[in-house]
Protein backbone atom coordinates (compact mmCIF):
# COMPACT_ATOMS: atom_id res chain seq x y z
CA UNK A 1 0.00 0.00 0.00
CA UNK A 2 2.78 2.52 0.72
CA UNK A 3 4.02 1.96 -2.82
CA UNK A 4 0.61 2.83 -4.18
CA UNK A 5 0.48 5.90 -1.99
CA UNK A 6 3.88 7.10 -3.19
CA UNK A 7 3.02 6.36 -6.80
CA UNK A 8 -0.22 8.34 -6.58
CA UNK A 9 1.59 11.23 -4.90
CA UNK A 10 4.22 11.32 -7.65
CA UNK A 11 1.55 11.23 -10.37
CA UNK A 12 -0.45 13.90 -8.59
CA UNK A 13 2.56 16.21 -8.21
CA UNK A 14 3.57 15.57 -11.79
CA UNK A 15 0.14 16.59 -13.01
CA UNK A 16 0.30 19.81 -11.03
CA UNK A 17 3.67 20.77 -12.37
CA UNK A 18 3.07 20.41 -16.08
CA UNK A 19 5.51 22.28 -18.32
CA UNK A 20 4.63 25.85 -19.22
CA UNK A 21 3.08 26.27 -22.64
CA UNK A 22 5.62 27.21 -25.28
CA UNK A 23 5.73 30.79 -26.50
CA UNK A 24 3.99 31.40 -29.79
CA UNK A 25 6.15 31.56 -32.89
CA UNK A 26 4.64 34.95 -33.79
CA UNK A 27 6.78 38.01 -33.17
CA UNK A 28 5.15 40.50 -30.82
CA UNK A 29 6.13 43.96 -29.82
CA UNK A 30 6.13 44.73 -26.17
CA UNK A 31 4.72 48.15 -25.49
CA UNK A 32 4.22 50.22 -22.44
CA UNK A 33 1.45 52.68 -21.83
CA UNK A 34 2.10 55.98 -23.59
CA UNK A 35 3.68 58.66 -21.46
CA UNK A 36 1.21 61.46 -20.98
CA UNK A 37 2.75 64.67 -19.87
CA UNK A 38 0.61 66.67 -17.55
CA UNK A 39 0.43 70.17 -18.92
CA UNK A 40 -0.94 73.18 -17.18
CA UNK A 41 -4.26 73.73 -18.89
CA UNK A 42 -5.20 76.66 -16.71
CA UNK A 43 -6.33 79.63 -18.75
CA UNK A 44 -3.79 82.38 -19.24
CA UNK A 45 -4.23 86.12 -19.02
CA UNK A 46 -4.66 87.93 -22.34
CA UNK A 47 -1.36 89.33 -23.64
CA UNK A 48 -1.32 92.76 -25.24
CA UNK A 49 1.32 93.50 -27.89
CA UNK A 50 2.79 96.79 -29.02
CA UNK A 51 0.83 96.38 -32.26
CA UNK A 52 -2.48 95.46 -30.61
CA UNK A 53 -5.20 97.56 -32.22
CA UNK A 54 -7.19 100.02 -30.11
CA UNK A 55 -10.31 97.98 -30.83
CA UNK A 56 -8.74 94.74 -29.58
CA UNK A 57 -7.28 96.45 -26.52
CA UNK A 58 -10.66 98.03 -25.72
CA UNK A 59 -12.36 94.65 -26.14
CA UNK A 60 -9.98 92.95 -23.69
CA UNK A 61 -10.25 95.74 -21.12
CA UNK A 62 -14.06 95.71 -21.42
CA UNK A 63 -14.08 91.96 -20.68
CA UNK A 64 -12.01 92.63 -17.56
CA UNK A 65 -14.18 95.59 -16.48
CA UNK A 66 -17.38 93.58 -17.07
CA UNK A 67 -15.99 90.83 -14.84
CA UNK A 68 -15.21 93.33 -12.08
CA UNK A 69 -18.71 94.83 -12.24
CA UNK A 70 -20.26 91.34 -12.23
CA UNK A 71 -18.29 90.60 -9.04
CA UNK A 72 -19.38 93.76 -7.22
CA UNK A 73 -17.10 96.65 -8.25
CA UNK A 74 -19.20 99.80 -8.54
CA UNK A 75 -19.45 101.59 -11.88
CA UNK A 76 -19.50 105.38 -11.69
CA UNK A 77 -21.94 107.38 -13.84
CA UNK A 78 -21.17 107.53 -17.55
CA UNK A 79 -21.37 111.32 -17.70
CA UNK A 80 -18.81 111.81 -14.93
CA UNK A 81 -16.04 114.12 -16.19
CA UNK A 82 -12.58 112.69 -16.51
CA UNK A 83 -9.44 112.71 -18.62
CA UNK A 84 -10.59 109.75 -20.71
CA UNK A 85 -13.81 111.44 -21.79
CA UNK A 86 -17.30 110.03 -21.38
CA UNK A 87 -17.66 106.32 -20.74
CA UNK A 88 -17.97 103.82 -17.93
CA UNK A 89 -15.50 104.30 -15.12
CA UNK A 90 -15.08 101.87 -12.29
CA UNK A 91 -14.67 102.76 -8.65
CA UNK A 92 -10.93 102.89 -7.94
CA UNK A 93 -11.10 101.91 -4.25
CA UNK A 94 -9.96 98.35 -4.99
CA UNK A 95 -13.03 96.96 -3.26
CA UNK A 96 -14.30 94.35 -3.11
CA UNK A 97 -10.95 92.58 -3.18
CA UNK A 98 -12.70 89.31 -4.04
CA UNK A 99 -13.73 90.82 -7.40
CA UNK A 100 -10.13 91.61 -8.32
CA UNK A 101 -9.07 88.12 -7.27
CA UNK A 102 -11.86 86.49 -9.30
CA UNK A 103 -11.10 88.59 -12.39
CA UNK A 104 -7.28 88.45 -12.25
CA UNK A 105 -7.23 85.88 -15.08
CA UNK A 106 -8.96 88.42 -17.38
CA UNK A 107 -6.62 91.33 -16.60
CA UNK A 108 -4.64 92.01 -19.80
CA UNK A 109 -0.86 91.77 -19.50
CA UNK A 110 1.07 94.70 -20.90
CA UNK A 111 3.42 94.00 -23.83
CA UNK A 112 6.54 92.20 -22.57
CA UNK A 113 8.74 94.93 -24.11
CA UNK A 114 7.19 97.36 -21.61
CA UNK A 115 7.94 95.15 -18.61
CA UNK A 116 11.15 96.32 -16.92
CA UNK A 117 11.56 92.87 -15.34
CA UNK A 118 11.52 91.13 -18.75
CA UNK A 119 13.27 93.73 -20.92
CA UNK A 120 16.88 94.44 -19.91
CA UNK A 121 16.93 97.51 -22.22
CA UNK A 122 13.74 98.98 -20.82
CA UNK A 123 15.18 102.14 -19.20
CA UNK A 124 17.19 103.14 -22.28
CA UNK A 125 14.25 102.42 -24.59
CA UNK A 126 11.94 104.42 -22.32
CA UNK A 127 14.29 107.39 -22.62
CA UNK A 128 14.20 106.95 -26.42
CA UNK A 129 10.40 106.94 -26.22
CA UNK A 130 10.36 110.27 -24.37
CA UNK A 131 12.89 111.75 -26.85
CA UNK A 132 10.51 110.73 -29.64
CA UNK A 133 7.56 112.36 -27.84
CA UNK A 134 9.57 115.57 -27.46
CA UNK A 135 10.59 115.44 -31.14
CA UNK A 136 6.88 115.35 -32.00
CA UNK A 137 6.09 118.43 -29.94
CA UNK A 138 5.08 117.00 -26.57
CA UNK A 139 6.69 118.93 -23.73
CA UNK A 140 7.39 116.00 -21.41
CA UNK A 141 10.23 114.54 -19.37
CA UNK A 142 11.05 111.21 -17.72
CA UNK A 143 10.21 110.98 -14.02
CA UNK A 144 11.38 107.36 -13.70
CA UNK A 145 11.72 104.46 -16.14
CA UNK A 146 8.23 103.77 -17.43
CA UNK A 147 6.83 107.16 -16.47
CA UNK A 148 6.80 110.66 -17.89
CA UNK A 149 5.01 113.88 -17.07
CA UNK A 150 4.40 117.24 -18.71
CA UNK A 151 7.01 119.94 -18.23
CA UNK A 152 4.32 122.30 -16.91
CA UNK A 153 0.58 122.45 -16.38
CA UNK A 154 -0.09 124.83 -19.28
CA UNK A 155 1.41 122.75 -22.08
CA UNK A 156 -0.71 122.51 -25.24
CA UNK A 157 -1.77 118.93 -25.96
CA UNK A 158 -2.00 118.02 -29.66
CA UNK A 159 -5.20 116.40 -30.92
CA UNK A 160 -3.21 113.38 -32.13
CA UNK A 161 -1.33 112.82 -28.85
CA UNK A 162 -2.58 109.24 -28.51
CA UNK A 163 -1.31 108.41 -32.01
CA UNK A 164 2.05 110.07 -31.27
CA UNK A 165 2.38 108.07 -28.04
CA UNK A 166 1.61 104.79 -29.82
CA UNK A 167 4.02 105.53 -32.68
CA UNK A 168 6.82 106.52 -30.31
CA UNK A 169 6.36 103.39 -28.19
CA UNK A 170 6.59 101.20 -31.28
CA UNK A 171 9.62 103.12 -32.55
CA UNK A 172 11.49 103.09 -29.24
CA UNK A 173 10.76 99.46 -28.43
CA UNK A 174 11.55 98.08 -31.87
CA UNK A 175 8.23 97.86 -33.64
CA UNK A 176 8.09 101.01 -35.74
CA UNK A 177 4.92 101.28 -37.78
CA UNK A 178 5.30 101.36 -41.51
C-alpha atoms as a PDB file:
ATOM      1  CA  UNK A   1       0.000   0.000   0.000  1.00  0.00           C
ATOM      2  CA  UNK A   2       2.777   2.524   0.724  1.00  0.00           C
ATOM      3  CA  UNK A   3       4.023   1.963  -2.824  1.00  0.00           C
ATOM      4  CA  UNK A   4       0.611   2.825  -4.183  1.00  0.00           C
ATOM      5  CA  UNK A   5       0.476   5.901  -1.991  1.00  0.00           C
ATOM      6  CA  UNK A   6       3.884   7.103  -3.195  1.00  0.00           C
ATOM      7  CA  UNK A   7       3.020   6.359  -6.798  1.00  0.00           C
ATOM      8  CA  UNK A   8      -0.221   8.337  -6.584  1.00  0.00           C
ATOM      9  CA  UNK A   9       1.592  11.235  -4.901  1.00  0.00           C
ATOM     10  CA  UNK A  10       4.221  11.317  -7.653  1.00  0.00           C
ATOM     11  CA  UNK A  11       1.547  11.231 -10.369  1.00  0.00           C
ATOM     12  CA  UNK A  12      -0.454  13.905  -8.590  1.00  0.00           C
ATOM     13  CA  UNK A  13       2.563  16.214  -8.214  1.00  0.00           C
ATOM     14  CA  UNK A  14       3.571  15.573 -11.786  1.00  0.00           C
ATOM     15  CA  UNK A  15       0.141  16.587 -13.008  1.00  0.00           C
ATOM     16  CA  UNK A  16       0.295  19.813 -11.033  1.00  0.00           C
ATOM     17  CA  UNK A  17       3.673  20.774 -12.374  1.00  0.00           C
ATOM     18  CA  UNK A  18       3.069  20.414 -16.084  1.00  0.00           C
ATOM     19  CA  UNK A  19       5.510  22.281 -18.321  1.00  0.00           C
ATOM     20  CA  UNK A  20       4.632  25.847 -19.224  1.00  0.00           C
ATOM     21  CA  UNK A  21       3.082  26.273 -22.642  1.00  0.00           C
ATOM     22  CA  UNK A  22       5.623  27.215 -25.279  1.00  0.00           C
ATOM     23  CA  UNK A  23       5.729  30.791 -26.497  1.00  0.00           C
ATOM     24  CA  UNK A  24       3.993  31.405 -29.788  1.00  0.00           C
ATOM     25  CA  UNK A  25       6.148  31.560 -32.886  1.00  0.00           C
ATOM     26  CA  UNK A  26       4.641  34.952 -33.788  1.00  0.00           C
ATOM     27  CA  UNK A  27       6.778  38.013 -33.170  1.00  0.00           C
ATOM     28  CA  UNK A  28       5.151  40.497 -30.823  1.00  0.00           C
ATOM     29  CA  UNK A  29       6.134  43.964 -29.823  1.00  0.00           C
ATOM     30  CA  UNK A  30       6.126  44.734 -26.172  1.00  0.00           C
ATOM     31  CA  UNK A  31       4.718  48.154 -25.491  1.00  0.00           C
ATOM     32  CA  UNK A  32       4.219  50.225 -22.444  1.00  0.00           C
ATOM     33  CA  UNK A  33       1.453  52.678 -21.830  1.00  0.00           C
ATOM     34  CA  UNK A  34       2.101  55.976 -23.585  1.00  0.00           C
ATOM     35  CA  UNK A  35       3.675  58.661 -21.461  1.00  0.00           C
ATOM     36  CA  UNK A  36       1.209  61.456 -20.981  1.00  0.00           C
ATOM     37  CA  UNK A  37       2.752  64.673 -19.871  1.00  0.00           C
ATOM     38  CA  UNK A  38       0.606  66.667 -17.545  1.00  0.00           C
ATOM     39  CA  UNK A  39       0.426  70.170 -18.916  1.00  0.00           C
ATOM     40  CA  UNK A  40      -0.942  73.181 -17.177  1.00  0.00           C
ATOM     41  CA  UNK A  41      -4.260  73.730 -18.892  1.00  0.00           C
ATOM     42  CA  UNK A  42      -5.205  76.663 -16.710  1.00  0.00           C
ATOM     43  CA  UNK A  43      -6.333  79.635 -18.755  1.00  0.00           C
ATOM     44  CA  UNK A  44      -3.789  82.379 -19.239  1.00  0.00           C
ATOM     45  CA  UNK A  45      -4.231  86.123 -19.022  1.00  0.00           C
ATOM     46  CA  UNK A  46      -4.659  87.931 -22.343  1.00  0.00           C
ATOM     47  CA  UNK A  47      -1.358  89.327 -23.642  1.00  0.00           C
ATOM     48  CA  UNK A  48      -1.315  92.762 -25.238  1.00  0.00           C
ATOM     49  CA  UNK A  49       1.323  93.499 -27.888  1.00  0.00           C
ATOM     50  CA  UNK A  50       2.789  96.787 -29.022  1.00  0.00           C
ATOM     51  CA  UNK A  51       0.830  96.378 -32.260  1.00  0.00           C
ATOM     52  CA  UNK A  52      -2.483  95.457 -30.610  1.00  0.00           C
ATOM     53  CA  UNK A  53      -5.203  97.565 -32.222  1.00  0.00           C
ATOM     54  CA  UNK A  54      -7.189 100.018 -30.111  1.00  0.00           C
ATOM     55  CA  UNK A  55     -10.313  97.977 -30.828  1.00  0.00           C
ATOM     56  CA  UNK A  56      -8.736  94.735 -29.578  1.00  0.00           C
ATOM     57  CA  UNK A  57      -7.285  96.448 -26.522  1.00  0.00           C
ATOM     58  CA  UNK A  58     -10.659  98.033 -25.723  1.00  0.00           C
ATOM     59  CA  UNK A  59     -12.364  94.650 -26.142  1.00  0.00           C
ATOM     60  CA  UNK A  60      -9.975  92.945 -23.693  1.00  0.00           C
ATOM     61  CA  UNK A  61     -10.250  95.736 -21.121  1.00  0.00           C
ATOM     62  CA  UNK A  62     -14.060  95.706 -21.424  1.00  0.00           C
ATOM     63  CA  UNK A  63     -14.082  91.958 -20.676  1.00  0.00           C
ATOM     64  CA  UNK A  64     -12.005  92.633 -17.559  1.00  0.00           C
ATOM     65  CA  UNK A  65     -14.184  95.587 -16.482  1.00  0.00           C
ATOM     66  CA  UNK A  66     -17.379  93.577 -17.066  1.00  0.00           C
ATOM     67  CA  UNK A  67     -15.994  90.829 -14.842  1.00  0.00           C
ATOM     68  CA  UNK A  68     -15.213  93.329 -12.079  1.00  0.00           C
ATOM     69  CA  UNK A  69     -18.714  94.827 -12.242  1.00  0.00           C
ATOM     70  CA  UNK A  70     -20.262  91.336 -12.226  1.00  0.00           C
ATOM     71  CA  UNK A  71     -18.291  90.603  -9.045  1.00  0.00           C
ATOM     72  CA  UNK A  72     -19.377  93.761  -7.223  1.00  0.00           C
ATOM     73  CA  UNK A  73     -17.104  96.650  -8.251  1.00  0.00           C
ATOM     74  CA  UNK A  74     -19.196  99.805  -8.544  1.00  0.00           C
ATOM     75  CA  UNK A  75     -19.452 101.589 -11.885  1.00  0.00           C
ATOM     76  CA  UNK A  76     -19.497 105.378 -11.693  1.00  0.00           C
ATOM     77  CA  UNK A  77     -21.945 107.379 -13.835  1.00  0.00           C
ATOM     78  CA  UNK A  78     -21.171 107.530 -17.547  1.00  0.00           C
ATOM     79  CA  UNK A  79     -21.370 111.324 -17.702  1.00  0.00           C
ATOM     80  CA  UNK A  80     -18.809 111.811 -14.933  1.00  0.00           C
ATOM     81  CA  UNK A  81     -16.041 114.117 -16.188  1.00  0.00           C
ATOM     82  CA  UNK A  82     -12.585 112.691 -16.505  1.00  0.00           C
ATOM     83  CA  UNK A  83      -9.437 112.706 -18.616  1.00  0.00           C
ATOM     84  CA  UNK A  84     -10.592 109.754 -20.711  1.00  0.00           C
ATOM     85  CA  UNK A  85     -13.813 111.442 -21.792  1.00  0.00           C
ATOM     86  CA  UNK A  86     -17.304 110.025 -21.378  1.00  0.00           C
ATOM     87  CA  UNK A  87     -17.658 106.318 -20.738  1.00  0.00           C
ATOM     88  CA  UNK A  88     -17.970 103.816 -17.929  1.00  0.00           C
ATOM     89  CA  UNK A  89     -15.497 104.304 -15.124  1.00  0.00           C
ATOM     90  CA  UNK A  90     -15.081 101.867 -12.289  1.00  0.00           C
ATOM     91  CA  UNK A  91     -14.674 102.763  -8.649  1.00  0.00           C
ATOM     92  CA  UNK A  92     -10.933 102.889  -7.937  1.00  0.00           C
ATOM     93  CA  UNK A  93     -11.097 101.910  -4.249  1.00  0.00           C
ATOM     94  CA  UNK A  94      -9.956  98.349  -4.989  1.00  0.00           C
ATOM     95  CA  UNK A  95     -13.030  96.961  -3.262  1.00  0.00           C
ATOM     96  CA  UNK A  96     -14.300  94.346  -3.107  1.00  0.00           C
ATOM     97  CA  UNK A  97     -10.946  92.575  -3.177  1.00  0.00           C
ATOM     98  CA  UNK A  98     -12.699  89.308  -4.038  1.00  0.00           C
ATOM     99  CA  UNK A  99     -13.730  90.822  -7.398  1.00  0.00           C
ATOM    100  CA  UNK A 100     -10.129  91.606  -8.320  1.00  0.00           C
ATOM    101  CA  UNK A 101      -9.073  88.120  -7.271  1.00  0.00           C
ATOM    102  CA  UNK A 102     -11.863  86.490  -9.297  1.00  0.00           C
ATOM    103  CA  UNK A 103     -11.100  88.588 -12.391  1.00  0.00           C
ATOM    104  CA  UNK A 104      -7.281  88.454 -12.247  1.00  0.00           C
ATOM    105  CA  UNK A 105      -7.233  85.879 -15.085  1.00  0.00           C
ATOM    106  CA  UNK A 106      -8.961  88.418 -17.381  1.00  0.00           C
ATOM    107  CA  UNK A 107      -6.620  91.330 -16.603  1.00  0.00           C
ATOM    108  CA  UNK A 108      -4.637  92.011 -19.798  1.00  0.00           C
ATOM    109  CA  UNK A 109      -0.864  91.771 -19.497  1.00  0.00           C
ATOM    110  CA  UNK A 110       1.071  94.702 -20.903  1.00  0.00           C
ATOM    111  CA  UNK A 111       3.425  93.998 -23.833  1.00  0.00           C
ATOM    112  CA  UNK A 112       6.545  92.203 -22.574  1.00  0.00           C
ATOM    113  CA  UNK A 113       8.738  94.930 -24.107  1.00  0.00           C
ATOM    114  CA  UNK A 114       7.188  97.355 -21.613  1.00  0.00           C
ATOM    115  CA  UNK A 115       7.939  95.148 -18.608  1.00  0.00           C
ATOM    116  CA  UNK A 116      11.148  96.320 -16.924  1.00  0.00           C
ATOM    117  CA  UNK A 117      11.559  92.866 -15.344  1.00  0.00           C
ATOM    118  CA  UNK A 118      11.518  91.134 -18.750  1.00  0.00           C
ATOM    119  CA  UNK A 119      13.266  93.725 -20.920  1.00  0.00           C
ATOM    120  CA  UNK A 120      16.880  94.438 -19.909  1.00  0.00           C
ATOM    121  CA  UNK A 121      16.934  97.506 -22.222  1.00  0.00           C
ATOM    122  CA  UNK A 122      13.745  98.980 -20.816  1.00  0.00           C
ATOM    123  CA  UNK A 123      15.180 102.139 -19.196  1.00  0.00           C
ATOM    124  CA  UNK A 124      17.188 103.140 -22.285  1.00  0.00           C
ATOM    125  CA  UNK A 125      14.248 102.418 -24.586  1.00  0.00           C
ATOM    126  CA  UNK A 126      11.939 104.416 -22.323  1.00  0.00           C
ATOM    127  CA  UNK A 127      14.295 107.393 -22.617  1.00  0.00           C
ATOM    128  CA  UNK A 128      14.196 106.953 -26.423  1.00  0.00           C
ATOM    129  CA  UNK A 129      10.397 106.940 -26.218  1.00  0.00           C
ATOM    130  CA  UNK A 130      10.364 110.268 -24.372  1.00  0.00           C
ATOM    131  CA  UNK A 131      12.888 111.751 -26.851  1.00  0.00           C
ATOM    132  CA  UNK A 132      10.509 110.726 -29.636  1.00  0.00           C
ATOM    133  CA  UNK A 133       7.561 112.355 -27.839  1.00  0.00           C
ATOM    134  CA  UNK A 134       9.569 115.574 -27.463  1.00  0.00           C
ATOM    135  CA  UNK A 135      10.588 115.437 -31.137  1.00  0.00           C
ATOM    136  CA  UNK A 136       6.883 115.345 -32.002  1.00  0.00           C
ATOM    137  CA  UNK A 137       6.093 118.430 -29.938  1.00  0.00           C
ATOM    138  CA  UNK A 138       5.083 116.997 -26.575  1.00  0.00           C
ATOM    139  CA  UNK A 139       6.685 118.929 -23.735  1.00  0.00           C
ATOM    140  CA  UNK A 140       7.387 116.002 -21.408  1.00  0.00           C
ATOM    141  CA  UNK A 141      10.231 114.537 -19.367  1.00  0.00           C
ATOM    142  CA  UNK A 142      11.053 111.213 -17.717  1.00  0.00           C
ATOM    143  CA  UNK A 143      10.205 110.976 -14.022  1.00  0.00           C
ATOM    144  CA  UNK A 144      11.382 107.357 -13.702  1.00  0.00           C
ATOM    145  CA  UNK A 145      11.722 104.461 -16.139  1.00  0.00           C
ATOM    146  CA  UNK A 146       8.233 103.769 -17.434  1.00  0.00           C
ATOM    147  CA  UNK A 147       6.828 107.162 -16.470  1.00  0.00           C
ATOM    148  CA  UNK A 148       6.803 110.658 -17.887  1.00  0.00           C
ATOM    149  CA  UNK A 149       5.014 113.876 -17.068  1.00  0.00           C
ATOM    150  CA  UNK A 150       4.400 117.242 -18.706  1.00  0.00           C
ATOM    151  CA  UNK A 151       7.013 119.944 -18.235  1.00  0.00           C
ATOM    152  CA  UNK A 152       4.317 122.300 -16.910  1.00  0.00           C
ATOM    153  CA  UNK A 153       0.580 122.449 -16.381  1.00  0.00           C
ATOM    154  CA  UNK A 154      -0.087 124.827 -19.278  1.00  0.00           C
ATOM    155  CA  UNK A 155       1.412 122.749 -22.082  1.00  0.00           C
ATOM    156  CA  UNK A 156      -0.709 122.512 -25.235  1.00  0.00           C
ATOM    157  CA  UNK A 157      -1.769 118.932 -25.963  1.00  0.00           C
ATOM    158  CA  UNK A 158      -2.001 118.016 -29.656  1.00  0.00           C
ATOM    159  CA  UNK A 159      -5.195 116.396 -30.915  1.00  0.00           C
ATOM    160  CA  UNK A 160      -3.206 113.381 -32.134  1.00  0.00           C
ATOM    161  CA  UNK A 161      -1.327 112.817 -28.854  1.00  0.00           C
ATOM    162  CA  UNK A 162      -2.577 109.242 -28.514  1.00  0.00           C
ATOM    163  CA  UNK A 163      -1.314 108.411 -32.007  1.00  0.00           C
ATOM    164  CA  UNK A 164       2.047 110.066 -31.269  1.00  0.00           C
ATOM    165  CA  UNK A 165       2.382 108.069 -28.043  1.00  0.00           C
ATOM    166  CA  UNK A 166       1.606 104.785 -29.820  1.00  0.00           C
ATOM    167  CA  UNK A 167       4.018 105.527 -32.680  1.00  0.00           C
ATOM    168  CA  UNK A 168       6.824 106.522 -30.307  1.00  0.00           C
ATOM    169  CA  UNK A 169       6.363 103.390 -28.188  1.00  0.00           C
ATOM    170  CA  UNK A 170       6.589 101.200 -31.283  1.00  0.00           C
ATOM    171  CA  UNK A 171       9.616 103.122 -32.552  1.00  0.00           C
ATOM    172  CA  UNK A 172      11.490 103.088 -29.237  1.00  0.00           C
ATOM    173  CA  UNK A 173      10.760  99.463 -28.428  1.00  0.00           C
ATOM    174  CA  UNK A 174      11.554  98.081 -31.868  1.00  0.00           C
ATOM    175  CA  UNK A 175       8.227  97.861 -33.643  1.00  0.00           C
ATOM    176  CA  UNK A 176       8.090 101.006 -35.737  1.00  0.00           C
ATOM    177  CA  UNK A 177       4.917 101.284 -37.778  1.00  0.00           C
ATOM    178  CA  UNK A 178       5.303 101.362 -41.514  1.00  0.00           C
END
